[in-house]
C-alpha atoms as a PDB file:
ATOM      1  CA  UNK A   1     -59.426  14.016  44.059  1.00  0.00           C
ATOM      2  CA  UNK A   2     -62.123  13.925  41.418  1.00  0.00           C
ATOM      3  CA  UNK A   3     -63.555  10.717  42.828  1.00  0.00           C
ATOM      4  CA  UNK A   4     -63.532  11.849  46.452  1.00  0.00           C
ATOM      5  CA  UNK A   5     -61.806   8.692  47.707  1.00  0.00           C
ATOM      6  CA  UNK A   6     -59.707   8.697  50.845  1.00  0.00           C
ATOM      7  CA  UNK A   7     -55.929   8.332  50.599  1.00  0.00           C
ATOM      8  CA  UNK A   8     -53.131   7.651  53.082  1.00  0.00           C
ATOM      9  CA  UNK A   9     -55.457   7.892  56.053  1.00  0.00           C
ATOM     10  CA  UNK A  10     -57.050  11.134  54.878  1.00  0.00           C
ATOM     11  CA  UNK A  11     -60.839  10.774  54.581  1.00  0.00           C
ATOM     12  CA  UNK A  12     -62.463  11.529  51.259  1.00  0.00           C
ATOM     13  CA  UNK A  13     -65.713  13.273  50.411  1.00  0.00           C
ATOM     14  CA  UNK A  14     -68.086  13.273  47.458  1.00  0.00           C
ATOM     15  CA  UNK A  15     -65.639  14.937  45.039  1.00  0.00           C
ATOM     16  CA  UNK A  16     -67.353  15.524  41.716  1.00  0.00           C
ATOM     17  CA  UNK A  17     -68.870  12.070  41.850  1.00  0.00           C
ATOM     18  CA  UNK A  18     -66.675  10.217  39.348  1.00  0.00           C
ATOM     19  CA  UNK A  19     -64.891   6.951  40.072  1.00  0.00           C
ATOM     20  CA  UNK A  20     -61.450   7.318  38.516  1.00  0.00           C
ATOM     21  CA  UNK A  21     -58.767   9.865  37.757  1.00  0.00           C
ATOM     22  CA  UNK A  22     -55.478   8.206  38.829  1.00  0.00           C
ATOM     23  CA  UNK A  23     -53.959   8.540  35.361  1.00  0.00           C
ATOM     24  CA  UNK A  24     -54.462  12.296  35.231  1.00  0.00           C
ATOM     25  CA  UNK A  25     -53.029  12.888  38.701  1.00  0.00           C
ATOM     26  CA  UNK A  26     -50.007  10.695  38.074  1.00  0.00           C
ATOM     27  CA  UNK A  27     -49.236  12.453  34.799  1.00  0.00           C
ATOM     28  CA  UNK A  28     -49.543  15.881  36.426  1.00  0.00           C
ATOM     29  CA  UNK A  29     -47.110  15.005  39.202  1.00  0.00           C
ATOM     30  CA  UNK A  30     -44.657  12.473  37.797  1.00  0.00           C
ATOM     31  CA  UNK A  31     -43.929  12.886  34.072  1.00  0.00           C
ATOM     32  CA  UNK A  32     -40.684  14.135  32.527  1.00  0.00           C
ATOM     33  CA  UNK A  33     -40.271  16.683  29.766  1.00  0.00           C
ATOM     34  CA  UNK A  34     -39.917  15.082  26.355  1.00  0.00           C
ATOM     35  CA  UNK A  35     -40.708  11.579  27.618  1.00  0.00           C
ATOM     36  CA  UNK A  36     -43.637   9.188  27.533  1.00  0.00           C
ATOM     37  CA  UNK A  37     -44.125   7.267  30.782  1.00  0.00           C
ATOM     38  CA  UNK A  38     -45.653   3.905  31.659  1.00  0.00           C
ATOM     39  CA  UNK A  39     -47.364   3.366  35.023  1.00  0.00           C
ATOM     40  CA  UNK A  40     -49.532   0.786  36.723  1.00  0.00           C
ATOM     41  CA  UNK A  41     -52.041   1.617  39.422  1.00  0.00           C
ATOM     42  CA  UNK A  42     -53.276   0.378  42.824  1.00  0.00           C
ATOM     43  CA  UNK A  43     -50.707   1.311  43.923  1.00  0.00           C
ATOM     44  CA  UNK A  44     -49.203   3.800  41.483  1.00  0.00           C
ATOM     45  CA  UNK A  45     -45.949   2.219  40.288  1.00  0.00           C
ATOM     46  CA  UNK A  46     -43.599   3.477  37.540  1.00  0.00           C
ATOM     47  CA  UNK A  47     -42.811   0.864  34.898  1.00  0.00           C
ATOM     48  CA  UNK A  48     -40.449   2.885  32.731  1.00  0.00           C
ATOM     49  CA  UNK A  49     -40.195   5.809  30.387  1.00  0.00           C
ATOM     50  CA  UNK A  50     -38.702   6.597  27.024  1.00  0.00           C
ATOM     51  CA  UNK A  51     -37.921   9.746  25.096  1.00  0.00           C
ATOM     52  CA  UNK A  52     -40.431  10.747  22.461  1.00  0.00           C
ATOM     53  CA  UNK A  53     -38.651  10.714  19.080  1.00  0.00           C
ATOM     54  CA  UNK A  54     -37.321  14.240  18.494  1.00  0.00           C
ATOM     55  CA  UNK A  55     -39.034  14.609  15.120  1.00  0.00           C
ATOM     56  CA  UNK A  56     -42.484  13.586  16.463  1.00  0.00           C
ATOM     57  CA  UNK A  57     -45.058  15.778  18.121  1.00  0.00           C
ATOM     58  CA  UNK A  58     -48.693  15.749  19.166  1.00  0.00           C
ATOM     59  CA  UNK A  59     -51.446  17.931  17.790  1.00  0.00           C
ATOM     60  CA  UNK A  60     -54.214  18.186  20.391  1.00  0.00           C
ATOM     61  CA  UNK A  61     -57.720  19.328  19.489  1.00  0.00           C
ATOM     62  CA  UNK A  62     -61.016  19.672  21.275  1.00  0.00           C
ATOM     63  CA  UNK A  63     -63.910  17.760  19.772  1.00  0.00           C
ATOM     64  CA  UNK A  64     -66.076  20.777  20.564  1.00  0.00           C
ATOM     65  CA  UNK A  65     -68.179  18.652  22.941  1.00  0.00           C
ATOM     66  CA  UNK A  66     -67.522  19.075  26.655  1.00  0.00           C
ATOM     67  CA  UNK A  67     -67.034  15.828  28.603  1.00  0.00           C
ATOM     68  CA  UNK A  68     -69.350  16.793  31.443  1.00  0.00           C
ATOM     69  CA  UNK A  69     -68.336  13.990  33.784  1.00  0.00           C
ATOM     70  CA  UNK A  70     -69.481  15.898  36.866  1.00  0.00           C
ATOM     71  CA  UNK A  71     -72.962  16.316  35.402  1.00  0.00           C
ATOM     72  CA  UNK A  72     -74.832  14.916  32.421  1.00  0.00           C
ATOM     73  CA  UNK A  73     -72.478  11.972  31.677  1.00  0.00           C
ATOM     74  CA  UNK A  74     -71.418  11.150  35.239  1.00  0.00           C
ATOM     75  CA  UNK A  75     -73.487   7.977  35.444  1.00  0.00           C
ATOM     76  CA  UNK A  76     -72.248   6.689  32.067  1.00  0.00           C
ATOM     77  CA  UNK A  77     -68.649   7.525  32.999  1.00  0.00           C
ATOM     78  CA  UNK A  78     -69.002   5.722  36.319  1.00  0.00           C
ATOM     79  CA  UNK A  79     -70.556   2.713  34.612  1.00  0.00           C
ATOM     80  CA  UNK A  80     -67.288   2.057  32.789  1.00  0.00           C
ATOM     81  CA  UNK A  81     -65.365   2.291  36.056  1.00  0.00           C
ATOM     82  CA  UNK A  82     -67.925   0.257  38.011  1.00  0.00           C
ATOM     83  CA  UNK A  83     -67.647  -2.553  35.475  1.00  0.00           C
ATOM     84  CA  UNK A  84     -64.057  -3.111  36.619  1.00  0.00           C
ATOM     85  CA  UNK A  85     -65.197  -3.032  40.243  1.00  0.00           C
ATOM     86  CA  UNK A  86     -67.810  -5.678  39.470  1.00  0.00           C
ATOM     87  CA  UNK A  87     -65.233  -7.918  37.775  1.00  0.00           C
ATOM     88  CA  UNK A  88     -62.848  -7.493  40.693  1.00  0.00           C
ATOM     89  CA  UNK A  89     -65.611  -8.357  43.168  1.00  0.00           C
ATOM     90  CA  UNK A  90     -66.497 -11.538  41.250  1.00  0.00           C
ATOM     91  CA  UNK A  91     -62.862 -12.620  41.278  1.00  0.00           C
ATOM     92  CA  UNK A  92     -62.504 -12.023  45.017  1.00  0.00           C
ATOM     93  CA  UNK A  93     -65.705 -13.909  45.741  1.00  0.00           C
ATOM     94  CA  UNK A  94     -64.687 -16.970  43.731  1.00  0.00           C
ATOM     95  CA  UNK A  95     -60.897 -17.153  43.831  1.00  0.00           C
ATOM     96  CA  UNK A  96     -59.064 -18.941  46.603  1.00  0.00           C
ATOM     97  CA  UNK A  97     -57.126 -15.787  47.455  1.00  0.00           C
ATOM     98  CA  UNK A  98     -58.460 -12.227  47.031  1.00  0.00           C
ATOM     99  CA  UNK A  99     -56.457  -9.868  44.817  1.00  0.00           C
ATOM    100  CA  UNK A 100     -55.899  -6.162  45.605  1.00  0.00           C
ATOM    101  CA  UNK A 101     -56.942  -5.143  42.085  1.00  0.00           C
ATOM    102  CA  UNK A 102     -58.310  -6.616  38.865  1.00  0.00           C
ATOM    103  CA  UNK A 103     -54.900  -6.189  37.234  1.00  0.00           C
ATOM    104  CA  UNK A 104     -53.265  -8.225  40.000  1.00  0.00           C
ATOM    105  CA  UNK A 105     -55.944 -10.910  39.693  1.00  0.00           C
ATOM    106  CA  UNK A 106     -55.457 -11.305  35.945  1.00  0.00           C
ATOM    107  CA  UNK A 107     -51.664 -11.306  36.207  1.00  0.00           C
ATOM    108  CA  UNK A 108     -51.662 -14.011  38.858  1.00  0.00           C
ATOM    109  CA  UNK A 109     -52.072 -17.038  36.592  1.00  0.00           C
ATOM    110  CA  UNK A 110     -51.823 -17.782  32.841  1.00  0.00           C
ATOM    111  CA  UNK A 111     -55.489 -18.820  32.670  1.00  0.00           C
ATOM    112  CA  UNK A 112     -56.838 -16.071  34.951  1.00  0.00           C
ATOM    113  CA  UNK A 113     -58.770 -14.302  32.177  1.00  0.00           C
ATOM    114  CA  UNK A 114     -60.431 -17.525  31.045  1.00  0.00           C
ATOM    115  CA  UNK A 115     -61.225 -18.453  34.653  1.00  0.00           C
ATOM    116  CA  UNK A 116     -62.842 -15.094  35.391  1.00  0.00           C
ATOM    117  CA  UNK A 117     -64.814 -15.291  32.145  1.00  0.00           C
ATOM    118  CA  UNK A 118     -66.254 -18.635  33.282  1.00  0.00           C
ATOM    119  CA  UNK A 119     -67.291 -17.115  36.610  1.00  0.00           C
ATOM    120  CA  UNK A 120     -69.203 -14.176  35.140  1.00  0.00           C
ATOM    121  CA  UNK A 121     -72.808 -13.757  36.272  1.00  0.00           C
ATOM    122  CA  UNK A 122     -75.236 -10.816  36.277  1.00  0.00           C
ATOM    123  CA  UNK A 123     -74.687  -8.434  39.185  1.00  0.00           C
ATOM    124  CA  UNK A 124     -77.242  -8.636  41.968  1.00  0.00           C
ATOM    125  CA  UNK A 125     -78.361  -5.046  41.394  1.00  0.00           C
ATOM    126  CA  UNK A 126     -79.009  -5.716  37.696  1.00  0.00           C
ATOM    127  CA  UNK A 127     -76.499  -3.077  36.621  1.00  0.00           C
ATOM    128  CA  UNK A 128     -74.444  -5.479  34.488  1.00  0.00           C
ATOM    129  CA  UNK A 129     -75.376  -8.517  32.411  1.00  0.00           C
ATOM    130  CA  UNK A 130     -72.904 -11.264  31.570  1.00  0.00           C
ATOM    131  CA  UNK A 131     -72.466  -9.708  28.123  1.00  0.00           C
ATOM    132  CA  UNK A 132     -71.721  -6.314  29.717  1.00  0.00           C
ATOM    133  CA  UNK A 133     -69.072  -7.823  31.958  1.00  0.00           C
ATOM    134  CA  UNK A 134     -67.514  -9.838  29.129  1.00  0.00           C
ATOM    135  CA  UNK A 135     -67.138  -6.680  27.027  1.00  0.00           C
ATOM    136  CA  UNK A 136     -65.620  -4.804  29.972  1.00  0.00           C
ATOM    137  CA  UNK A 137     -63.211  -7.666  30.647  1.00  0.00           C
ATOM    138  CA  UNK A 138     -62.153  -7.799  26.988  1.00  0.00           C
ATOM    139  CA  UNK A 139     -61.510  -4.065  26.969  1.00  0.00           C
ATOM    140  CA  UNK A 140     -59.515  -4.167  30.199  1.00  0.00           C
ATOM    141  CA  UNK A 141     -57.328  -7.022  28.988  1.00  0.00           C
ATOM    142  CA  UNK A 142     -56.706  -5.562  25.529  1.00  0.00           C
ATOM    143  CA  UNK A 143     -55.980  -2.026  26.700  1.00  0.00           C
ATOM    144  CA  UNK A 144     -53.685  -3.206  29.494  1.00  0.00           C
ATOM    145  CA  UNK A 145     -51.649  -5.178  26.956  1.00  0.00           C
ATOM    146  CA  UNK A 146     -51.414  -2.209  24.588  1.00  0.00           C
ATOM    147  CA  UNK A 147     -49.745   0.160  27.055  1.00  0.00           C
ATOM    148  CA  UNK A 148     -46.261  -1.466  27.083  1.00  0.00           C
ATOM    149  CA  UNK A 149     -46.531  -2.074  23.338  1.00  0.00           C
ATOM    150  CA  UNK A 150     -47.143   1.644  22.807  1.00  0.00           C
ATOM    151  CA  UNK A 151     -44.140   2.486  24.993  1.00  0.00           C
ATOM    152  CA  UNK A 152     -41.988   0.226  22.785  1.00  0.00           C
ATOM    153  CA  UNK A 153     -43.370   1.902  19.660  1.00  0.00           C
ATOM    154  CA  UNK A 154     -42.230   5.283  20.991  1.00  0.00           C
ATOM    155  CA  UNK A 155     -38.846   3.831  21.975  1.00  0.00           C
ATOM    156  CA  UNK A 156     -38.347   2.322  18.511  1.00  0.00           C
ATOM    157  CA  UNK A 157     -39.856   5.315  16.669  1.00  0.00           C
ATOM    158  CA  UNK A 158     -42.191   2.791  15.050  1.00  0.00           C
ATOM    159  CA  UNK A 159     -44.940   4.836  13.432  1.00  0.00           C
ATOM    160  CA  UNK A 160     -46.795   1.862  11.984  1.00  0.00           C
ATOM    161  CA  UNK A 161     -46.955   0.041  15.323  1.00  0.00           C
ATOM    162  CA  UNK A 162     -48.150   3.120  17.196  1.00  0.00           C
ATOM    163  CA  UNK A 163     -50.756   3.787  14.516  1.00  0.00           C
ATOM    164  CA  UNK A 164     -52.177   0.285  14.724  1.00  0.00           C
ATOM    165  CA  UNK A 165     -52.259   0.363  18.531  1.00  0.00           C
ATOM    166  CA  UNK A 166     -54.022   3.724  18.548  1.00  0.00           C
ATOM    167  CA  UNK A 167     -56.551   2.591  15.922  1.00  0.00           C
ATOM    168  CA  UNK A 168     -57.310  -0.555  17.931  1.00  0.00           C
ATOM    169  CA  UNK A 169     -57.631   1.427  21.144  1.00  0.00           C
ATOM    170  CA  UNK A 170     -60.015   3.919  19.536  1.00  0.00           C
ATOM    171  CA  UNK A 171     -62.155   1.113  18.097  1.00  0.00           C
ATOM    172  CA  UNK A 172     -62.365  -0.757  21.400  1.00  0.00           C
ATOM    173  CA  UNK A 173     -63.214   2.414  23.306  1.00  0.00           C
ATOM    174  CA  UNK A 174     -66.170   2.808  20.987  1.00  0.00           C
ATOM    175  CA  UNK A 175     -67.309  -0.815  20.656  1.00  0.00           C
ATOM    176  CA  UNK A 176     -66.362  -2.343  24.031  1.00  0.00           C
ATOM    177  CA  UNK A 177     -66.017   0.474  26.552  1.00  0.00           C
ATOM    178  CA  UNK A 178     -68.797   2.509  24.967  1.00  0.00           C
ATOM    179  CA  UNK A 179     -67.480   5.930  25.966  1.00  0.00           C
ATOM    180  CA  UNK A 180     -67.137   7.511  22.513  1.00  0.00           C
ATOM    181  CA  UNK A 181     -69.395   9.935  20.682  1.00  0.00           C
ATOM    182  CA  UNK A 182     -69.668  10.505  16.922  1.00  0.00           C
ATOM    183  CA  UNK A 183     -67.520  13.635  17.136  1.00  0.00           C
ATOM    184  CA  UNK A 184     -64.494  11.965  18.738  1.00  0.00           C
ATOM    185  CA  UNK A 185     -64.754   8.998  16.380  1.00  0.00           C
ATOM    186  CA  UNK A 186     -64.892  11.336  13.386  1.00  0.00           C
ATOM    187  CA  UNK A 187     -62.026  13.510  14.584  1.00  0.00           C
ATOM    188  CA  UNK A 188     -59.670  10.553  15.074  1.00  0.00           C
ATOM    189  CA  UNK A 189     -60.633   9.106  11.687  1.00  0.00           C
ATOM    190  CA  UNK A 190     -60.062  12.434   9.932  1.00  0.00           C
ATOM    191  CA  UNK A 191     -56.630  12.786  11.532  1.00  0.00           C
ATOM    192  CA  UNK A 192     -55.530   9.437  10.143  1.00  0.00           C
ATOM    193  CA  UNK A 193     -56.932  10.245   6.717  1.00  0.00           C
ATOM    194  CA  UNK A 194     -55.052  13.532   6.649  1.00  0.00           C
ATOM    195  CA  UNK A 195     -51.674  11.978   7.387  1.00  0.00           C
ATOM    196  CA  UNK A 196     -51.319  11.536  11.149  1.00  0.00           C
ATOM    197  CA  UNK A 197     -49.464   8.279  11.787  1.00  0.00           C
ATOM    198  CA  UNK A 198     -51.529   7.726  14.961  1.00  0.00           C
ATOM    199  CA  UNK A 199     -54.609   9.284  16.528  1.00  0.00           C
ATOM    200  CA  UNK A 200     -57.075   8.582  19.322  1.00  0.00           C
ATOM    201  CA  UNK A 201     -59.418  10.288  21.725  1.00  0.00           C
ATOM    202  CA  UNK A 202     -58.327  10.414  25.360  1.00  0.00           C
ATOM    203  CA  UNK A 203     -59.632  11.211  28.811  1.00  0.00           C
ATOM    204  CA  UNK A 204     -62.971  10.335  30.335  1.00  0.00           C
ATOM    205  CA  UNK A 205     -64.788   9.926  27.039  1.00  0.00           C
ATOM    206  CA  UNK A 206     -68.289  11.138  26.130  1.00  0.00           C
ATOM    207  CA  UNK A 207     -66.714  14.220  24.570  1.00  0.00           C
ATOM    208  CA  UNK A 208     -63.376  15.851  25.247  1.00  0.00           C
ATOM    209  CA  UNK A 209     -60.319  15.893  23.025  1.00  0.00           C
ATOM    210  CA  UNK A 210     -58.333  13.898  20.477  1.00  0.00           C
ATOM    211  CA  UNK A 211     -54.590  13.632  19.909  1.00  0.00           C
ATOM    212  CA  UNK A 212     -52.800  13.081  16.632  1.00  0.00           C
ATOM    213  CA  UNK A 213     -49.127  12.113  16.310  1.00  0.00           C
ATOM    214  CA  UNK A 214     -47.405  13.728  13.331  1.00  0.00           C
ATOM    215  CA  UNK A 215     -43.924  14.690  12.128  1.00  0.00           C
ATOM    216  CA  UNK A 216     -42.832  17.835  13.954  1.00  0.00           C
ATOM    217  CA  UNK A 217     -42.115  19.651  10.688  1.00  0.00           C
ATOM    218  CA  UNK A 218     -45.689  19.064   9.462  1.00  0.00           C
ATOM    219  CA  UNK A 219     -47.548  19.847  12.690  1.00  0.00           C
ATOM    220  CA  UNK A 220     -48.786  23.372  12.022  1.00  0.00           C
ATOM    221  CA  UNK A 221     -49.991  22.643   8.495  1.00  0.00           C
ATOM    222  CA  UNK A 222     -51.583  19.363   9.603  1.00  0.00           C
ATOM    223  CA  UNK A 223     -53.409  21.023  12.496  1.00  0.00           C
ATOM    224  CA  UNK A 224     -54.830  23.774  10.330  1.00  0.00           C
ATOM    225  CA  UNK A 225     -56.122  21.301   7.741  1.00  0.00           C
ATOM    226  CA  UNK A 226     -57.444  18.856  10.353  1.00  0.00           C
ATOM    227  CA  UNK A 227     -59.509  21.475  12.102  1.00  0.00           C
ATOM    228  CA  UNK A 228     -60.639  23.096   8.840  1.00  0.00           C
ATOM    229  CA  UNK A 229     -62.057  19.782   7.594  1.00  0.00           C
ATOM    230  CA  UNK A 230     -63.599  18.928  10.976  1.00  0.00           C
ATOM    231  CA  UNK A 231     -65.283  22.330  11.342  1.00  0.00           C
ATOM    232  CA  UNK A 232     -66.595  22.079   7.785  1.00  0.00           C
ATOM    233  CA  UNK A 233     -68.220  18.730   8.554  1.00  0.00           C
ATOM    234  CA  UNK A 234     -69.697  19.928  11.877  1.00  0.00           C
ATOM    235  CA  UNK A 235     -70.301  23.662  11.481  1.00  0.00           C
ATOM    236  CA  UNK A 236     -72.729  23.792  14.410  1.00  0.00           C
ATOM    237  CA  UNK A 237     -69.847  23.292  16.846  1.00  0.00           C
ATOM    238  CA  UNK A 238     -68.265  26.622  16.005  1.00  0.00           C
ATOM    239  CA  UNK A 239     -64.497  27.281  16.253  1.00  0.00           C
ATOM    240  CA  UNK A 240     -62.525  24.332  17.641  1.00  0.00           C
ATOM    241  CA  UNK A 241     -59.382  25.066  19.705  1.00  0.00           C
ATOM    242  CA  UNK A 242     -56.199  23.119  18.995  1.00  0.00           C
ATOM    243  CA  UNK A 243     -52.473  23.316  19.672  1.00  0.00           C
ATOM    244  CA  UNK A 244     -49.164  21.577  19.001  1.00  0.00           C
ATOM    245  CA  UNK A 245     -47.315  20.076  21.977  1.00  0.00           C
ATOM    246  CA  UNK A 246     -44.598  17.628  22.917  1.00  0.00           C
ATOM    247  CA  UNK A 247     -44.630  16.061  26.408  1.00  0.00           C
ATOM    248  CA  UNK A 248     -44.144  18.800  28.974  1.00  0.00           C
ATOM    249  CA  UNK A 249     -42.885  18.902  32.562  1.00  0.00           C
ATOM    250  CA  UNK A 250     -44.679  17.740  35.675  1.00  0.00           C
ATOM    251  CA  UNK A 251     -46.228  20.201  38.105  1.00  0.00           C
ATOM    252  CA  UNK A 252     -43.511  22.494  39.341  1.00  0.00           C
ATOM    253  CA  UNK A 253     -43.170  25.132  42.006  1.00  0.00           C
ATOM    254  CA  UNK A 254     -43.198  28.636  40.536  1.00  0.00           C
ATOM    255  CA  UNK A 255     -41.630  31.396  42.586  1.00  0.00           C
ATOM    256  CA  UNK A 256     -43.608  34.625  42.667  1.00  0.00           C
ATOM    257  CA  UNK A 257     -40.912  36.518  44.533  1.00  0.00           C
END
């Protein structure tokens, strides 16, 4: 586990020092070839899956900036995760009945978000101001709502809906979550300008990679042009790796015999 947490009675250790990672592990173990899947967490629970439209594909590209979440950006990465922990702690301190997770707390009543917003106060350690917590709450609420909408966009092959959801997600990651860098913002923007019907960075943030959704028939030509323009704008990064991929299989046993 990247975060070193215990699980199912097995004690954890320091891991690499990050507080997160459930999405990656679930995808590695539970996805299906050619499908996009929707999950909730704490505990991990499948909410459904749908086939990716057969004429769609992803083009995946590195931003050229490593997301060093075990080192130089660990504290900033953990700050985003710890913001949710702080919100959850405030809820459990003030609500009549503690909730097992922030998602459960906010789903428990129609006015839960407004109630939690009224309860916000600076954390005792000074790590988060009220404004910090309000931004983190807004991001959590908005991004949670987008996930099932994105699944429906894939199910309906609705390019416009997926594009708007991805644009909104990218903007909020930058403005509310604060885990974007100029390179990932630029790369997603270039992808949209060059014809991708949706694009966003993904992963831990502070570097890493960006996906673009494009027609399968156009993928190779799009990828070449996308990376050519990006490398021209940021020549100091050097060659940027990229590839075309549809959703692949989960981890599988491979016989060496």
